[in-house]
Protein backbone atom coordinates (compact mmCIF):
# COMPACT_ATOMS: atom_id res chain seq x y z
CA UNK A 1 14.46 60.54 8.44
CA UNK A 2 11.62 60.88 10.89
CA UNK A 3 11.24 61.98 14.50
CA UNK A 4 9.73 60.60 17.69
CA UNK A 5 7.00 62.89 19.02
CA UNK A 6 5.79 60.81 21.96
CA UNK A 7 6.39 57.49 23.70
CA UNK A 8 3.54 55.79 25.58
CA UNK A 9 2.96 52.72 27.72
CA UNK A 10 0.22 51.08 29.73
CA UNK A 11 1.14 49.09 32.81
CA UNK A 12 -2.08 46.97 32.66
CA UNK A 13 -3.87 45.48 29.67
CA UNK A 14 -7.19 47.04 28.89
CA UNK A 15 -6.09 50.51 30.03
CA UNK A 16 -5.21 53.40 27.77
CA UNK A 17 -1.54 54.12 27.05
CA UNK A 18 -0.14 57.32 28.55
CA UNK A 19 2.86 59.39 27.43
CA UNK A 20 6.09 58.96 29.45
CA UNK A 21 9.45 60.68 29.36
CA UNK A 22 11.29 57.71 27.80
CA UNK A 23 11.02 54.00 27.12
CA UNK A 24 13.59 51.18 27.36
CA UNK A 25 13.54 48.69 24.48
CA UNK A 26 14.57 45.07 25.14
CA UNK A 27 15.15 42.38 22.42
CA UNK A 28 12.72 39.43 22.46
CA UNK A 29 10.48 41.42 24.81
CA UNK A 30 9.60 44.99 23.73
CA UNK A 31 9.16 47.88 26.11
CA UNK A 32 10.20 47.33 29.68
CA UNK A 33 7.12 47.99 31.83
CA UNK A 34 4.54 47.88 29.08
CA UNK A 35 1.64 45.46 29.52
CA UNK A 36 1.82 44.26 25.88
CA UNK A 37 5.49 43.37 25.96
CA UNK A 38 6.47 39.72 25.35
CA UNK A 39 8.27 37.36 23.04
CA UNK A 40 5.90 37.71 20.09
CA UNK A 41 5.69 39.70 16.83
CA UNK A 42 3.77 42.65 18.15
CA UNK A 43 6.18 44.07 20.77
CA UNK A 44 6.16 47.80 19.91
CA UNK A 45 3.42 49.66 18.02
CA UNK A 46 3.95 52.79 15.94
CA UNK A 47 1.48 55.33 14.62
CA UNK A 48 2.05 58.31 12.35
CA UNK A 49 1.43 61.77 13.79
CA UNK A 50 0.08 62.86 10.41
CA UNK A 51 -2.73 60.30 10.67
CA UNK A 52 -3.54 61.32 14.21
CA UNK A 53 -3.65 64.98 13.13
CA UNK A 54 -6.02 64.15 10.31
CA UNK A 55 -8.28 62.36 12.78
CA UNK A 56 -8.22 65.27 15.16
CA UNK A 57 -9.33 67.61 12.37
CA UNK A 58 -12.56 65.55 12.13
CA UNK A 59 -13.40 66.68 15.67
CA UNK A 60 -11.80 63.94 17.72
CA UNK A 61 -10.24 64.98 20.99
CA UNK A 62 -7.47 62.35 21.32
CA UNK A 63 -4.22 62.45 23.28
CA UNK A 64 -1.04 60.55 22.39
CA UNK A 65 -1.50 56.89 23.38
CA UNK A 66 -5.28 56.97 22.95
CA UNK A 67 -5.14 54.55 19.99
CA UNK A 68 -2.90 52.12 21.86
CA UNK A 69 0.30 53.24 20.13
CA UNK A 70 3.70 53.05 21.86
CA UNK A 71 5.57 55.47 19.60
CA UNK A 72 4.13 58.45 17.77
CA UNK A 73 6.40 59.35 14.89
CA UNK A 74 6.52 62.07 12.30
CA UNK A 75 7.67 61.74 8.71
CA UNK A 76 6.54 58.32 7.59
CA UNK A 77 3.32 56.88 6.07
CA UNK A 78 3.77 53.71 8.10
CA UNK A 79 0.89 51.69 6.60
CA UNK A 80 2.48 51.90 3.12
CA UNK A 81 5.80 50.32 4.22
CA UNK A 82 6.99 46.81 3.60
CA UNK A 83 7.19 44.23 6.38
CA UNK A 84 10.91 43.82 7.14
CA UNK A 85 11.57 47.62 7.09
CA UNK A 86 13.76 48.61 10.05
CA UNK A 87 13.86 51.71 12.23
CA UNK A 88 17.06 52.88 13.84
CA UNK A 89 16.42 55.17 16.87
CA UNK A 90 19.71 55.91 18.60
CA UNK A 91 21.10 52.51 19.63
CA UNK A 92 17.74 50.78 19.31
CA UNK A 93 16.74 48.86 16.22
CA UNK A 94 13.12 47.85 15.42
CA UNK A 95 11.86 45.65 12.61
CA UNK A 96 8.36 45.96 11.07
CA UNK A 97 6.36 42.77 11.44
CA UNK A 98 2.74 43.67 10.81
CA UNK A 99 0.63 46.34 9.17
CA UNK A 100 -2.64 47.13 11.00
CA UNK A 101 -4.63 44.67 13.12
CA UNK A 102 -8.07 43.25 13.48
CA UNK A 103 -10.39 45.12 15.78
CA UNK A 104 -12.44 42.55 17.73
CA UNK A 105 -14.07 44.91 20.30
CA UNK A 106 -14.49 48.57 19.30
CA UNK A 107 -12.67 51.05 21.54
CA UNK A 108 -14.14 54.21 23.03
CA UNK A 109 -12.77 56.25 20.10
CA UNK A 110 -14.74 54.11 17.64
CA UNK A 111 -17.86 54.27 19.70
CA UNK A 112 -17.63 58.11 19.79
CA UNK A 113 -16.39 58.79 16.22
CA UNK A 114 -17.56 55.73 14.32
CA UNK A 115 -13.99 55.11 13.26
CA UNK A 116 -10.50 54.29 14.62
CA UNK A 117 -7.26 54.62 12.69
CA UNK A 118 -5.14 52.09 14.55
CA UNK A 119 -6.53 48.94 12.85
CA UNK A 120 -5.50 50.27 9.37
CA UNK A 121 -2.74 52.81 10.04
CA UNK A 122 -0.87 51.43 13.09
CA UNK A 123 2.10 49.11 12.61
CA UNK A 124 3.87 46.63 14.84
CA UNK A 125 7.54 45.84 15.36
CA UNK A 126 9.96 43.63 17.23
CA UNK A 127 13.06 44.87 19.01
CA UNK A 128 16.32 43.69 17.46
CA UNK A 129 18.74 45.87 19.42
CA UNK A 130 18.17 47.46 22.85
CA UNK A 131 18.18 51.19 23.57
CA UNK A 132 16.36 54.17 25.08
CA UNK A 133 13.82 56.09 23.05
CA UNK A 134 12.39 59.50 23.97
CA UNK A 135 10.54 62.39 22.31
CA UNK A 136 12.74 64.31 19.93
CA UNK A 137 14.85 61.34 18.88
CA UNK A 138 15.51 60.99 15.15
CA UNK A 139 14.31 57.86 13.32
CA UNK A 140 16.26 56.42 10.39
CA UNK A 141 14.27 54.10 8.14
CA UNK A 142 16.20 51.17 6.60
CA UNK A 143 14.56 49.40 3.68
CA UNK A 144 14.57 45.55 3.65
CA UNK A 145 17.52 43.89 2.00
CA UNK A 146 16.90 42.40 -1.41
CA UNK A 147 18.48 39.05 -0.53
CA UNK A 148 16.56 38.57 2.78
CA UNK A 149 15.12 35.10 3.39
CA UNK A 150 11.56 34.45 2.04
CA UNK A 151 8.89 34.22 4.74
CA UNK A 152 6.34 31.42 4.89
CA UNK A 153 3.29 30.35 6.83
CA UNK A 154 1.86 26.88 7.07
CA UNK A 155 -1.83 26.10 7.63
CA UNK A 156 -3.05 22.54 8.28
CA UNK A 157 -6.76 21.96 7.57
CA UNK A 158 -8.23 19.13 9.65
CA UNK A 159 -11.29 18.92 11.86
CA UNK A 160 -9.69 16.14 13.94
CA UNK A 161 -6.30 17.75 14.30
CA UNK A 162 -7.81 21.10 15.26
CA UNK A 163 -9.62 19.28 18.12
CA UNK A 164 -6.45 17.53 19.28
CA UNK A 165 -7.85 14.12 18.27
CA UNK A 166 -5.20 13.59 15.54
CA UNK A 167 -1.55 14.53 15.32
CA UNK A 168 -0.72 16.92 12.49
CA UNK A 169 2.05 15.18 10.52
CA UNK A 170 2.01 17.20 7.21
CA UNK A 171 2.63 20.61 8.81
CA UNK A 172 5.91 19.58 10.50
CA UNK A 173 7.11 17.96 7.23
CA UNK A 174 6.46 21.18 5.33
CA UNK A 175 8.19 23.22 8.07
CA UNK A 176 11.27 20.99 8.10
CA UNK A 177 11.72 21.15 4.33
CA UNK A 178 11.20 24.95 4.16
CA UNK A 179 13.62 25.70 6.98
CA UNK A 180 16.23 23.49 5.32
CA UNK A 181 15.81 25.69 2.22
CA UNK A 182 16.34 28.89 4.23
CA UNK A 183 12.71 30.04 4.59
CA UNK A 184 11.69 31.95 7.71
CA UNK A 185 8.52 30.38 9.13
CA UNK A 186 6.56 33.12 10.80
CA UNK A 187 3.39 31.21 11.68
CA UNK A 188 2.16 27.59 11.70
CA UNK A 189 -1.53 27.04 12.30
CA UNK A 190 -4.04 24.16 12.57
CA UNK A 191 -7.60 25.01 11.53
CA UNK A 192 -10.78 23.00 11.12
CA UNK A 193 -11.85 22.10 7.55
CA UNK A 194 -14.12 24.55 5.74
CA UNK A 195 -13.85 28.10 4.46
CA UNK A 196 -14.55 30.87 7.04
CA UNK A 197 -11.55 30.54 9.36
CA UNK A 198 -9.18 29.71 6.52
CA UNK A 199 -10.26 32.71 4.50
CA UNK A 200 -9.81 35.00 7.49
CA UNK A 201 -6.27 33.71 8.17
CA UNK A 202 -5.24 33.87 4.51
CA UNK A 203 -6.34 37.51 4.42
CA UNK A 204 -4.52 38.39 7.68
CA UNK A 205 -1.29 36.69 6.71
CA UNK A 206 -1.24 38.30 3.24
CA UNK A 207 -2.49 41.78 4.14
CA UNK A 208 -1.09 42.37 7.63
CA UNK A 209 1.96 40.15 7.87
CA UNK A 210 2.80 40.27 4.13
CA UNK A 211 3.98 36.66 4.07
CA UNK A 212 5.78 35.70 0.82
CA UNK A 213 4.11 32.31 0.60
CA UNK A 214 1.43 30.43 2.50
CA UNK A 215 1.30 26.65 2.18
CA UNK A 216 -1.98 24.87 3.11
CA UNK A 217 -2.18 21.15 3.66
CA UNK A 218 -5.45 19.22 3.56
CA UNK A 219 -8.92 19.93 2.33
CA UNK A 220 -8.25 19.36 -1.38
CA UNK A 221 -10.21 16.09 -1.85
CA UNK A 222 -13.88 15.14 -2.48
CA UNK A 223 -15.22 15.17 1.10
CA UNK A 224 -18.02 17.63 1.76
CA UNK A 225 -15.78 19.81 4.05
CA UNK A 226 -12.80 19.69 1.73
CA UNK A 227 -13.06 23.38 0.74
CA UNK A 228 -9.47 24.64 0.76
CA UNK A 229 -9.41 25.38 -3.03
CA UNK A 230 -12.66 27.34 -2.71
CA UNK A 231 -11.32 29.41 0.11
CA UNK A 232 -8.10 30.04 -1.76
CA UNK A 233 -9.95 31.25 -4.87
CA UNK A 234 -12.25 33.44 -2.74
CA UNK A 235 -9.42 35.47 -1.19
CA UNK A 236 -6.95 35.54 -4.08
CA UNK A 237 -6.95 38.26 -6.73
CA UNK A 238 -5.18 36.13 -9.38
CA UNK A 239 -5.22 32.36 -9.77
CA UNK A 240 -2.04 30.47 -10.67
CA UNK A 241 -3.55 27.27 -12.19
CA UNK A 242 -0.22 26.08 -13.51
CA UNK A 243 1.02 25.09 -10.04
CA UNK A 244 -1.94 22.86 -9.29
CA UNK A 245 -1.79 21.36 -12.81
CA UNK A 246 1.96 20.68 -12.53
CA UNK A 247 1.62 19.07 -9.11
CA UNK A 248 -1.17 16.79 -10.24
CA UNK A 249 0.75 15.78 -13.37
CA UNK A 250 3.95 15.08 -11.27
CA UNK A 251 2.07 13.07 -8.67
CA UNK A 252 0.48 10.80 -11.31
CA UNK A 253 3.80 8.92 -11.47
CA UNK A 254 3.35 7.91 -7.83
CA UNK A 255 -0.47 7.22 -7.76
CA UNK A 256 -3.40 7.49 -10.23
CA UNK A 257 -5.39 8.97 -7.31
CA UNK A 258 -3.55 12.24 -7.97
CA UNK A 259 -6.16 13.04 -10.58
CA UNK A 260 -8.66 13.42 -7.78
CA UNK A 261 -6.75 16.26 -6.11
CA UNK A 262 -8.44 19.65 -6.51
CA UNK A 263 -5.44 21.69 -5.25
CA UNK A 264 -4.82 25.12 -6.70
CA UNK A 265 -2.71 28.28 -6.13
CA UNK A 266 -3.26 31.97 -6.22
CA UNK A 267 -1.91 35.40 -5.47
CA UNK A 268 -3.28 37.97 -3.02
CA UNK A 269 -1.31 41.26 -3.25
CA UNK A 270 2.27 39.98 -2.97
CA UNK A 271 1.55 36.71 -1.26
CA UNK A 272 1.39 33.36 -3.02
CA UNK A 273 -0.95 30.72 -1.65
CA UNK A 274 -0.25 27.04 -2.58
CA UNK A 275 -2.54 24.17 -1.69
CA UNK A 276 -0.69 20.91 -0.79
CA UNK A 277 -2.30 17.52 -0.15
CA UNK A 278 -3.03 16.30 3.42
CA UNK A 279 -0.77 13.27 3.13
CA UNK A 280 2.78 13.91 4.57
CA UNK A 281 4.48 11.78 1.85
CA UNK A 282 2.60 13.65 -0.92
CA UNK A 283 3.54 17.04 0.72
CA UNK A 284 7.20 16.03 0.64
CA UNK A 285 7.04 14.92 -2.96
CA UNK A 286 5.25 18.06 -4.05
CA UNK A 287 7.65 20.40 -2.29
CA UNK A 288 10.69 18.63 -3.71
CA UNK A 289 9.22 19.30 -7.16
CA UNK A 290 8.20 22.94 -6.86
CA UNK A 291 10.61 24.61 -4.43
CA UNK A 292 13.27 25.44 -7.02
CA UNK A 293 10.97 27.14 -9.60
CA UNK A 294 8.92 28.69 -6.77
CA UNK A 295 11.87 30.83 -5.71
CA UNK A 296 11.85 32.68 -9.00
CA UNK A 297 8.10 33.40 -8.77
CA UNK A 298 8.42 34.62 -5.18
CA UNK A 299 11.29 36.90 -6.16
CA UNK A 300 9.15 38.47 -8.92
CA UNK A 301 6.24 38.95 -6.44
CA UNK A 302 8.57 40.59 -3.90
CA UNK A 303 10.14 42.81 -6.57
CA UNK A 304 13.70 41.42 -6.15
CA UNK A 305 13.68 39.33 -9.34
CA UNK A 306 12.72 40.15 -12.85
CA UNK A 307 10.94 38.15 -15.57
């Protein structure tokens, strides 16, 4: 059990959040009256009082809401939790969707102290059930269910598709097949070929959103900008060469050109990254082949299956 110490909102974006007496939580929206509310995955932010207190002891004079947090809570090390964890506060129910965030423009706290805790210690949630939250309310933490659906993200690599010059056909094929198998698709992106943007998104999806599996499509051939395998190896801590080997071997029955594919797979923390070809037909064939054994591997990564 934990406790709410403060609730904060800002009525305009770009302004500091200020403590208020209470907040109203609304599903598919967030906090009524807060500038950052909306139908997205970062509706309500939480920050641990313990982390704020540690920061204050370094000499920082910060009030509640200064880091952009909506709820200051006591009793949890939020950044160590698993995405999917739920928080019951009275009638309201929140679900954790992201750990930390990228800091693109340093806030006044960072400029003064040379550090800010929100990018690494703050967490973000969506509202599942409505309710009123106020200081003093108890928070009950509910761990994710073992049989919850696997989450997935899909990234299409294509210079032309990223510019709108070409319709992405592989991404929708992958999405359709995954949703049919019960996967929850949390993000679908189209990026230009190459490494920098892909590496950044793979890190974000694995570290902050804790996606179970990321499927990339495209960038696995011989062209100069086909660098998806290199980006995958750069961000992953452990390579899973058997997946790429098995897919190439399986695809050889359809075309001898399969030997030219450089696709690979790897693990970053508890996220599996799998490279698929850029051809929609090949994506469908590959997924039909690997989805069944993949479930066991994802269960082991998540800690809900055993070897």
